Amino acid sequence: MTRLGMRQLFQLLLCCLAMGVHAQATKEGMLQLDLGRGEARLPVYVMPHPQATATLILLPGGDAGTGKIVDGQPQSGNFLARSREDFFKAGFNVLVVFRASDLNQLDYGYRVSKSHVAELAKVIAYAKEVWGQPVWLVGTSRGTVSGTATAIALGPDQVQGLVLTSSVTSKKIGAIVSQNIASLKIPTLVVHHKNDACSICVPSEAARIMADLQSVPVKKFVMVEGGSDPQGDPCAAQHWHGFIHFEKETVKLITDWIQAPQS
């Protein structure tokens, strides 16, 4: 599907969502979006903010599973999923997008596919119809692959800003610099932890993303330090890769920048 085709699809999705969505978004909870492929549904945790001036769509890494659902809330330990309340408290509508119900995994190849972009286009269309606010995509780890591919495919009319945390830098399909990021024309923030030891998310390579962002109106790279007690797999959410015990500080620098982007 061409980029034009994706944008036409987005307009169609807006039309399809035009009736009845406002009532669904009046309170926090899990939404199951119909993907139009059999019984498949896309789990999205919705947090509407009454004073929001923008909507943040959070794209977790790994296979983007919800974890256990306890009292209607996903228990995923992913950096973005577990930090959703901090994004909300900063004054934004928040949507956390998890893996579609008909998928066993959310690998790199699928994250740059037309099918996945169409899934996220449906979430964006929902957010636009319900709130009418600018939409920012915020990805972490594999979620940066999804966010970048979607922002490129849909363009600045649908996606107004992009945040990449713990970016996939090399060795995998969809690594950020392997995508056509020179075509991006939206504010873009890249955040990485100095001690990130994941072999496909190398801090020094993350800094090089800046050079390829040739058309964005404003961009910034931030290398953070801080946190404590990293545990387990260095590519997992409880390590430096997931900003362990530095979540609030990382979210604040992200949300402050979204509110006033500057180089």
C-alpha atoms as a PDB file:
ATOM      1  CA  MET A   1       0.000   0.000   0.000  1.00  0.00           C
ATOM      2  CA  THR A   2       1.378   3.403  -0.909  1.00  0.00           C
ATOM      3  CA  ARG A   3       1.669   6.246   1.575  1.00  0.00           C
ATOM      4  CA  LEU A   4      -1.248   7.921  -0.205  1.00  0.00           C
ATOM      5  CA  GLY A   5      -3.192   4.711   0.227  1.00  0.00           C
ATOM      6  CA  MET A   6      -2.502   4.684   3.962  1.00  0.00           C
ATOM      7  CA  ARG A   7      -3.744   8.248   4.290  1.00  0.00           C
ATOM      8  CA  GLN A   8      -6.906   7.383   2.376  1.00  0.00           C
ATOM      9  CA  LEU A   9      -7.373   4.427   4.716  1.00  0.00           C
ATOM     10  CA  PHE A  10      -7.047   6.768   7.688  1.00  0.00           C
ATOM     11  CA  GLN A  11      -9.838   9.000   6.340  1.00  0.00           C
ATOM     12  CA  LEU A  12     -12.037   5.944   5.835  1.00  0.00           C
ATOM     13  CA  LEU A  13     -11.377   4.838   9.400  1.00  0.00           C
ATOM     14  CA  LEU A  14     -12.430   8.258  10.660  1.00  0.00           C
ATOM     15  CA  CYS A  15     -15.719   7.914   8.841  1.00  0.00           C
ATOM     16  CA  CYS A  16     -16.300   4.426  10.195  1.00  0.00           C
ATOM     17  CA  LEU A  17     -15.692   5.609  13.751  1.00  0.00           C
ATOM     18  CA  ALA A  18     -17.799   8.741  13.472  1.00  0.00           C
ATOM     19  CA  MET A  19     -20.807   7.403  15.389  1.00  0.00           C
ATOM     20  CA  GLY A  20     -20.923   6.350  19.000  1.00  0.00           C
ATOM     21  CA  VAL A  21     -17.289   6.649  20.038  1.00  0.00           C
ATOM     22  CA  HIS A  22     -17.653   9.607  22.407  1.00  0.00           C
ATOM     23  CA  ALA A  23     -19.628   7.616  24.945  1.00  0.00           C
ATOM     24  CA  GLN A  24     -16.959   4.901  24.949  1.00  0.00           C
ATOM     25  CA  ALA A  25     -14.208   7.338  25.937  1.00  0.00           C
ATOM     26  CA  THR A  26     -15.744   9.027  28.945  1.00  0.00           C
ATOM     27  CA  LYS A  27     -13.936   6.859  31.489  1.00  0.00           C
ATOM     28  CA  GLU A  28     -10.728   4.934  31.941  1.00  0.00           C
ATOM     29  CA  GLY A  29     -10.623   1.299  30.896  1.00  0.00           C
ATOM     30  CA  MET A  30      -9.717  -1.329  28.359  1.00  0.00           C
ATOM     31  CA  LEU A  31     -11.101  -0.881  24.869  1.00  0.00           C
ATOM     32  CA  GLN A  32     -11.176  -3.703  22.317  1.00  0.00           C
ATOM     33  CA  LEU A  33     -11.013  -2.245  18.808  1.00  0.00           C
ATOM     34  CA  ASP A  34     -12.443  -4.354  15.987  1.00  0.00           C
ATOM     35  CA  LEU A  35      -9.727  -4.837  13.373  1.00  0.00           C
ATOM     36  CA  GLY A  36     -12.022  -6.082  10.634  1.00  0.00           C
ATOM     37  CA  ARG A  37     -10.299  -9.464  10.406  1.00  0.00           C
ATOM     38  CA  GLY A  38     -12.565 -12.075  11.895  1.00  0.00           C
ATOM     39  CA  GLU A  39     -12.664 -12.095  15.680  1.00  0.00           C
ATOM     40  CA  ALA A  40      -9.395 -10.173  16.049  1.00  0.00           C
ATOM     41  CA  ARG A  41      -9.419  -7.287  18.502  1.00  0.00           C
ATOM     42  CA  LEU A  42      -6.797  -4.714  19.428  1.00  0.00           C
ATOM     43  CA  PRO A  43      -6.550  -4.151  23.216  1.00  0.00           C
ATOM     44  CA  VAL A  44      -6.086  -0.455  24.024  1.00  0.00           C
ATOM     45  CA  TYR A  45      -6.024   0.929  27.549  1.00  0.00           C
ATOM     46  CA  VAL A  46      -7.750   4.324  27.459  1.00  0.00           C
ATOM     47  CA  MET A  47      -7.121   7.174  29.928  1.00  0.00           C
ATOM     48  CA  PRO A  48      -9.105  10.313  28.982  1.00  0.00           C
ATOM     49  CA  HIS A  49      -7.899  13.563  30.578  1.00  0.00           C
ATOM     50  CA  PRO A  50     -10.493  16.352  30.897  1.00  0.00           C
ATOM     51  CA  GLN A  51      -7.922  19.136  30.368  1.00  0.00           C
ATOM     52  CA  ALA A  52      -5.767  17.420  27.755  1.00  0.00           C
ATOM     53  CA  THR A  53      -4.358  19.408  24.854  1.00  0.00           C
ATOM     54  CA  ALA A  54      -2.848  16.364  23.131  1.00  0.00           C
ATOM     55  CA  THR A  55      -3.198  12.589  23.003  1.00  0.00           C
ATOM     56  CA  LEU A  56      -0.245  10.273  23.598  1.00  0.00           C
ATOM     57  CA  ILE A  57      -0.358   6.817  22.032  1.00  0.00           C
ATOM     58  CA  LEU A  58       2.089   4.629  23.954  1.00  0.00           C
ATOM     59  CA  LEU A  59       3.665   1.734  22.032  1.00  0.00           C
ATOM     60  CA  PRO A  60       5.287  -0.852  24.340  1.00  0.00           C
ATOM     61  CA  GLY A  61       8.235  -2.978  23.271  1.00  0.00           C
ATOM     62  CA  GLY A  62       8.733  -6.717  23.266  1.00  0.00           C
ATOM     63  CA  ASP A  63       5.628  -8.593  22.166  1.00  0.00           C
ATOM     64  CA  ALA A  64       3.438  -5.870  23.716  1.00  0.00           C
ATOM     65  CA  GLY A  65       1.319  -8.224  25.773  1.00  0.00           C
ATOM     66  CA  THR A  66      -1.038  -6.801  28.402  1.00  0.00           C
ATOM     67  CA  GLY A  67       0.163  -9.086  31.172  1.00  0.00           C
ATOM     68  CA  LYS A  68      -2.508 -10.194  33.609  1.00  0.00           C
ATOM     69  CA  ILE A  69      -5.629  -8.054  33.728  1.00  0.00           C
ATOM     70  CA  VAL A  70      -6.375  -7.178  37.363  1.00  0.00           C
ATOM     71  CA  ASP A  71      -9.478  -5.117  38.135  1.00  0.00           C
ATOM     72  CA  GLY A  72      -9.637  -4.216  34.469  1.00  0.00           C
ATOM     73  CA  GLN A  73      -6.059  -2.918  34.338  1.00  0.00           C
ATOM     74  CA  PRO A  74      -3.147  -4.431  32.393  1.00  0.00           C
ATOM     75  CA  GLN A  75      -0.227  -5.489  34.564  1.00  0.00           C
ATOM     76  CA  SER A  76       2.450  -5.328  31.860  1.00  0.00           C
ATOM     77  CA  GLY A  77       5.811  -4.286  33.302  1.00  0.00           C
ATOM     78  CA  ASN A  78       6.915  -2.511  30.134  1.00  0.00           C
ATOM     79  CA  PHE A  79       8.353   0.973  30.756  1.00  0.00           C
ATOM     80  CA  LEU A  80       5.529   2.778  28.955  1.00  0.00           C
ATOM     81  CA  ALA A  81       2.737   0.555  30.242  1.00  0.00           C
ATOM     82  CA  ARG A  82       3.814   0.819  33.865  1.00  0.00           C
ATOM     83  CA  SER A  83       4.394   4.589  33.519  1.00  0.00           C
ATOM     84  CA  ARG A  84       1.023   5.376  31.930  1.00  0.00           C
ATOM     85  CA  GLU A  85      -0.271   7.150  35.033  1.00  0.00           C
ATOM     86  CA  ASP A  86       2.681   9.551  34.966  1.00  0.00           C
ATOM     87  CA  PHE A  87       1.961  10.462  31.342  1.00  0.00           C
ATOM     88  CA  PHE A  88      -1.687  10.987  32.260  1.00  0.00           C
ATOM     89  CA  LYS A  89      -0.878  13.180  35.268  1.00  0.00           C
ATOM     90  CA  ALA A  90       1.203  15.418  32.998  1.00  0.00           C
ATOM     91  CA  GLY A  91      -2.061  16.454  31.325  1.00  0.00           C
ATOM     92  CA  PHE A  92      -2.546  14.175  28.326  1.00  0.00           C
ATOM     93  CA  ASN A  93      -5.074  11.698  27.043  1.00  0.00           C
ATOM     94  CA  VAL A  94      -3.248   8.364  27.086  1.00  0.00           C
ATOM     95  CA  LEU A  95      -3.804   5.266  24.962  1.00  0.00           C
ATOM     96  CA  VAL A  96      -1.604   2.209  25.573  1.00  0.00           C
ATOM     97  CA  VAL A  97      -1.708  -0.120  22.581  1.00  0.00           C
ATOM     98  CA  PHE A  98      -1.094  -3.817  23.103  1.00  0.00           C
ATOM     99  CA  ARG A  99      -0.742  -6.814  20.757  1.00  0.00           C
ATOM    100  CA  ALA A 100      -3.701  -7.788  18.597  1.00  0.00           C
ATOM    101  CA  SER A 101      -5.584 -10.837  19.838  1.00  0.00           C
ATOM    102  CA  ASP A 102      -4.881 -12.918  16.714  1.00  0.00           C
ATOM    103  CA  LEU A 103      -1.088 -12.570  17.036  1.00  0.00           C
ATOM    104  CA  ASN A 104       1.207 -14.756  19.122  1.00  0.00           C
ATOM    105  CA  GLN A 105       4.054 -12.273  18.859  1.00  0.00           C
ATOM    106  CA  LEU A 106       4.765  -8.771  17.631  1.00  0.00           C
ATOM    107  CA  ASP A 107       8.070  -9.174  15.844  1.00  0.00           C
ATOM    108  CA  TYR A 108      10.150  -6.634  13.980  1.00  0.00           C
ATOM    109  CA  GLY A 109       8.912  -7.535  10.515  1.00  0.00           C
ATOM    110  CA  TYR A 110       5.269  -7.221  11.514  1.00  0.00           C
ATOM    111  CA  ARG A 111       5.888  -3.865  13.176  1.00  0.00           C
ATOM    112  CA  VAL A 112       6.790  -2.313   9.807  1.00  0.00           C
ATOM    113  CA  SER A 113       4.017  -4.109   7.915  1.00  0.00           C
ATOM    114  CA  LYS A 114       0.970  -2.519   6.286  1.00  0.00           C
ATOM    115  CA  SER A 115      -1.250  -4.572   8.602  1.00  0.00           C
ATOM    116  CA  HIS A 116       0.351  -3.148  11.739  1.00  0.00           C
ATOM    117  CA  VAL A 117       0.312   0.415  10.419  1.00  0.00           C
ATOM    118  CA  ALA A 118      -3.393  -0.079   9.640  1.00  0.00           C
ATOM    119  CA  GLU A 119      -3.958  -1.208  13.263  1.00  0.00           C
ATOM    120  CA  LEU A 120      -2.308   1.919  14.617  1.00  0.00           C
ATOM    121  CA  ALA A 121      -4.114   4.075  12.065  1.00  0.00           C
ATOM    122  CA  LYS A 122      -7.340   2.779  13.593  1.00  0.00           C
ATOM    123  CA  VAL A 123      -6.182   3.835  17.074  1.00  0.00           C
ATOM    124  CA  ILE A 124      -5.197   7.281  15.790  1.00  0.00           C
ATOM    125  CA  ALA A 125      -8.531   7.669  14.012  1.00  0.00           C
ATOM    126  CA  TYR A 126     -10.312   6.749  17.244  1.00  0.00           C
ATOM    127  CA  ALA A 127      -8.315   9.329  19.203  1.00  0.00           C
ATOM    128  CA  LYS A 128      -8.940  12.051  16.618  1.00  0.00           C
ATOM    129  CA  GLU A 129     -12.657  11.351  16.513  1.00  0.00           C
ATOM    130  CA  VAL A 130     -13.108  11.222  20.275  1.00  0.00           C
ATOM    131  CA  TRP A 131     -10.885  14.106  21.379  1.00  0.00           C
ATOM    132  CA  GLY A 132      -9.856  16.048  18.260  1.00  0.00           C
ATOM    133  CA  GLN A 133      -6.433  16.714  19.797  1.00  0.00           C
ATOM    134  CA  PRO A 134      -2.946  16.466  18.266  1.00  0.00           C
ATOM    135  CA  VAL A 135      -1.596  12.912  18.415  1.00  0.00           C
ATOM    136  CA  TRP A 136       1.917  11.971  19.460  1.00  0.00           C
ATOM    137  CA  LEU A 137       3.320   8.462  19.128  1.00  0.00           C
ATOM    138  CA  VAL A 138       5.606   7.408  21.979  1.00  0.00           C
ATOM    139  CA  GLY A 139       7.467   4.136  21.472  1.00  0.00           C
ATOM    140  CA  THR A 140       9.994   2.196  23.486  1.00  0.00           C
ATOM    141  CA  SER A 141      12.366  -0.507  22.219  1.00  0.00           C
ATOM    142  CA  ARG A 142      10.456  -2.472  19.544  1.00  0.00           C
ATOM    143  CA  GLY A 143       7.706   0.118  19.911  1.00  0.00           C
ATOM    144  CA  THR A 144      10.063   2.654  18.301  1.00  0.00           C
ATOM    145  CA  VAL A 145       9.946   0.523  15.147  1.00  0.00           C
ATOM    146  CA  SER A 146       6.141   0.699  15.155  1.00  0.00           C
ATOM    147  CA  GLY A 147       6.011   4.410  15.908  1.00  0.00           C
ATOM    148  CA  THR A 148       8.514   5.342  13.225  1.00  0.00           C
ATOM    149  CA  ALA A 149       6.895   3.195  10.533  1.00  0.00           C
ATOM    150  CA  THR A 150       3.451   4.599  11.321  1.00  0.00           C
ATOM    151  CA  ALA A 151       4.564   8.225  11.445  1.00  0.00           C
ATOM    152  CA  ILE A 152       6.267   7.830   8.059  1.00  0.00           C
ATOM    153  CA  ALA A 153       3.281   6.058   6.480  1.00  0.00           C
ATOM    154  CA  LEU A 154       0.539   8.374   7.752  1.00  0.00           C
ATOM    155  CA  GLY A 155       2.376  11.680   7.593  1.00  0.00           C
ATOM    156  CA  PRO A 156       2.048  14.899   9.610  1.00  0.00           C
ATOM    157  CA  ASP A 157      -1.682  15.323   9.032  1.00  0.00           C
ATOM    158  CA  GLN A 158      -2.385  12.317  11.263  1.00  0.00           C
ATOM    159  CA  VAL A 159       0.679  12.174  13.535  1.00  0.00           C
ATOM    160  CA  GLN A 160       1.822  15.462  15.058  1.00  0.00           C
ATOM    161  CA  GLY A 161       4.870  14.298  17.004  1.00  0.00           C
ATOM    162  CA  LEU A 162       7.137  11.321  17.700  1.00  0.00           C
ATOM    163  CA  VAL A 163       9.088  10.184  20.771  1.00  0.00           C
ATOM    164  CA  LEU A 164      11.545   7.301  20.562  1.00  0.00           C
ATOM    165  CA  THR A 165      12.899   5.779  23.776  1.00  0.00           C
ATOM    166  CA  SER A 166      15.452   2.955  23.933  1.00  0.00           C
ATOM    167  CA  SER A 167      15.425   2.939  20.124  1.00  0.00           C
ATOM    168  CA  VAL A 168      16.221  -0.142  18.063  1.00  0.00           C
ATOM    169  CA  THR A 169      19.430   0.981  16.372  1.00  0.00           C
ATOM    170  CA  SER A 170      20.773  -1.992  14.424  1.00  0.00           C
ATOM    171  CA  LYS A 171      20.657  -5.664  13.438  1.00  0.00           C
ATOM    172  CA  LYS A 172      16.864  -5.888  13.167  1.00  0.00           C
ATOM    173  CA  ILE A 173      14.222  -5.233  10.510  1.00  0.00           C
ATOM    174  CA  GLY A 174      12.848  -1.762  11.087  1.00  0.00           C
ATOM    175  CA  ALA A 175      15.840  -0.406  13.007  1.00  0.00           C
ATOM    176  CA  ILE A 176      15.227   3.322  13.116  1.00  0.00           C
ATOM    177  CA  VAL A 177      17.998   4.454  10.770  1.00  0.00           C
ATOM    178  CA  SER A 178      17.005   1.759   8.255  1.00  0.00           C
ATOM    179  CA  GLN A 179      13.605   3.437   7.829  1.00  0.00           C
ATOM    180  CA  ASN A 180      13.021   6.556   5.752  1.00  0.00           C
ATOM    181  CA  ILE A 181      13.251   8.939   8.690  1.00  0.00           C
ATOM    182  CA  ALA A 182      14.566  11.686   6.414  1.00  0.00           C
ATOM    183  CA  SER A 183      10.935  12.041   5.269  1.00  0.00           C
ATOM    184  CA  LEU A 184       9.604  12.778   8.774  1.00  0.00           C
ATOM    185  CA  LYS A 185       8.308  16.329   9.173  1.00  0.00           C
ATOM    186  CA  ILE A 186       7.156  16.327  12.784  1.00  0.00           C
ATOM    187  CA  PRO A 187       8.860  17.210  16.083  1.00  0.00           C
ATOM    188  CA  THR A 188      10.943  14.220  17.166  1.00  0.00           C
ATOM    189  CA  LEU A 189      12.512  13.447  20.542  1.00  0.00           C
ATOM    190  CA  VAL A 190      14.996  10.596  21.022  1.00  0.00           C
ATOM    191  CA  VAL A 191      15.689   9.435  24.587  1.00  0.00           C
ATOM    192  CA  HIS A 192      18.167   6.737  25.581  1.00  0.00           C
ATOM    193  CA  HIS A 193      19.753   5.560  28.819  1.00  0.00           C
ATOM    194  CA  LYS A 194      23.529   5.927  28.963  1.00  0.00           C
ATOM    195  CA  ASN A 195      23.895   2.455  30.488  1.00  0.00           C
ATOM    196  CA  ASP A 196      21.543   0.623  28.116  1.00  0.00           C
ATOM    197  CA  ALA A 197      23.343  -2.679  27.512  1.00  0.00           C
ATOM    198  CA  CYS A 198      20.924  -4.127  24.946  1.00  0.00           C
ATOM    199  CA  SER A 199      22.948  -5.137  21.894  1.00  0.00           C
ATOM    200  CA  ILE A 200      20.349  -3.896  19.407  1.00  0.00           C
ATOM    201  CA  CYS A 201      19.711  -0.599  21.183  1.00  0.00           C
ATOM    202  CA  VAL A 202      23.207   0.830  21.533  1.00  0.00           C
ATOM    203  CA  PRO A 203      23.420   4.302  23.135  1.00  0.00           C
ATOM    204  CA  SER A 204      26.141   5.644  20.796  1.00  0.00           C
ATOM    205  CA  GLU A 205      24.148   4.486  17.759  1.00  0.00           C
ATOM    206  CA  ALA A 206      20.970   6.080  19.097  1.00  0.00           C
ATOM    207  CA  ALA A 207      22.691   9.451  19.017  1.00  0.00           C
ATOM    208  CA  ARG A 208      23.277   9.020  15.284  1.00  0.00           C
ATOM    209  CA  ILE A 209      19.541   9.025  14.573  1.00  0.00           C
ATOM    210  CA  MET A 210      19.708  12.814  14.741  1.00  0.00           C
ATOM    211  CA  ALA A 211      21.746  13.091  11.548  1.00  0.00           C
ATOM    212  CA  ASP A 212      19.067  11.369   9.463  1.00  0.00           C
ATOM    213  CA  LEU A 213      16.195  13.495  10.773  1.00  0.00           C
ATOM    214  CA  GLN A 214      16.740  16.010   7.988  1.00  0.00           C
ATOM    215  CA  SER A 215      13.222  17.438   7.563  1.00  0.00           C
ATOM    216  CA  VAL A 216      11.797  17.637  11.075  1.00  0.00           C
ATOM    217  CA  PRO A 217      10.988  21.152  12.345  1.00  0.00           C
ATOM    218  CA  VAL A 218      12.591  20.491  15.733  1.00  0.00           C
ATOM    219  CA  LYS A 219      14.498  17.559  17.174  1.00  0.00           C
ATOM    220  CA  LYS A 220      16.387  16.675  20.316  1.00  0.00           C
ATOM    221  CA  PHE A 221      18.478  13.802  21.644  1.00  0.00           C
ATOM    222  CA  VAL A 222      18.656  13.197  25.396  1.00  0.00           C
ATOM    223  CA  MET A 223      20.980  10.671  27.027  1.00  0.00           C
ATOM    224  CA  VAL A 224      19.726  10.108  30.557  1.00  0.00           C
ATOM    225  CA  GLU A 225      21.571   8.815  33.597  1.00  0.00           C
ATOM    226  CA  GLY A 226      19.970   7.684  36.799  1.00  0.00           C
ATOM    227  CA  GLY A 227      18.009   4.872  38.308  1.00  0.00           C
ATOM    228  CA  SER A 228      19.097   1.826  40.270  1.00  0.00           C
ATOM    229  CA  ASP A 229      19.047  -1.925  40.691  1.00  0.00           C
ATOM    230  CA  PRO A 230      18.770  -3.199  37.092  1.00  0.00           C
ATOM    231  CA  GLN A 231      17.602  -6.810  36.961  1.00  0.00           C
ATOM    232  CA  GLY A 232      17.583  -9.656  34.427  1.00  0.00           C
ATOM    233  CA  ASP A 233      17.857  -9.392  30.662  1.00  0.00           C
ATOM    234  CA  PRO A 234      19.601  -6.142  29.592  1.00  0.00           C
ATOM    235  CA  CYS A 235      17.040  -5.874  26.754  1.00  0.00           C
ATOM    236  CA  ALA A 236      14.078  -6.168  29.129  1.00  0.00           C
ATOM    237  CA  ALA A 237      11.974  -3.661  30.993  1.00  0.00           C
ATOM    238  CA  GLN A 238      13.532  -4.082  34.439  1.00  0.00           C
ATOM    239  CA  HIS A 239      17.014  -3.090  33.268  1.00  0.00           C
ATOM    240  CA  TRP A 240      18.539   0.264  32.242  1.00  0.00           C
ATOM    241  CA  HIS A 241      16.837  -0.368  28.903  1.00  0.00           C
ATOM    242  CA  GLY A 242      13.534   0.212  30.712  1.00  0.00           C
ATOM    243  CA  PHE A 243      14.751   3.248  32.723  1.00  0.00           C
ATOM    244  CA  ILE A 244      14.409   1.235  35.887  1.00  0.00           C
ATOM    245  CA  HIS A 245      13.761   3.418  38.957  1.00  0.00           C
ATOM    246  CA  PHE A 246      14.129   6.477  36.742  1.00  0.00           C
ATOM    247  CA  GLU A 247      10.693   6.261  35.151  1.00  0.00           C
ATOM    248  CA  LYS A 248       9.167   9.435  36.605  1.00  0.00           C
ATOM    249  CA  GLU A 249      12.156  11.567  35.667  1.00  0.00           C
ATOM    250  CA  THR A 250      12.203  10.158  32.137  1.00  0.00           C
ATOM    251  CA  VAL A 251       8.476  10.681  31.672  1.00  0.00           C
ATOM    252  CA  LYS A 252       8.790  14.272  32.916  1.00  0.00           C
ATOM    253  CA  LEU A 253      11.501  15.175  30.421  1.00  0.00           C
ATOM    254  CA  ILE A 254       9.363  13.613  27.650  1.00  0.00           C
ATOM    255  CA  THR A 255       6.136  15.359  28.615  1.00  0.00           C
ATOM    256  CA  ASP A 256       7.878  18.695  29.226  1.00  0.00           C
ATOM    257  CA  TRP A 257       9.353  18.505  25.731  1.00  0.00           C
ATOM    258  CA  ILE A 258       6.036  17.573  24.112  1.00  0.00           C
ATOM    259  CA  GLN A 259       4.471  20.633  25.698  1.00  0.00           C
ATOM    260  CA  ALA A 260       7.244  22.893  24.370  1.00  0.00           C
ATOM    261  CA  PRO A 261       9.472  21.226  21.751  1.00  0.00           C
ATOM    262  CA  GLN A 262      12.887  22.808  21.365  1.00  0.00           C
ATOM    263  CA  SER A 263      16.319  21.730  20.207  1.00  0.00           C
END
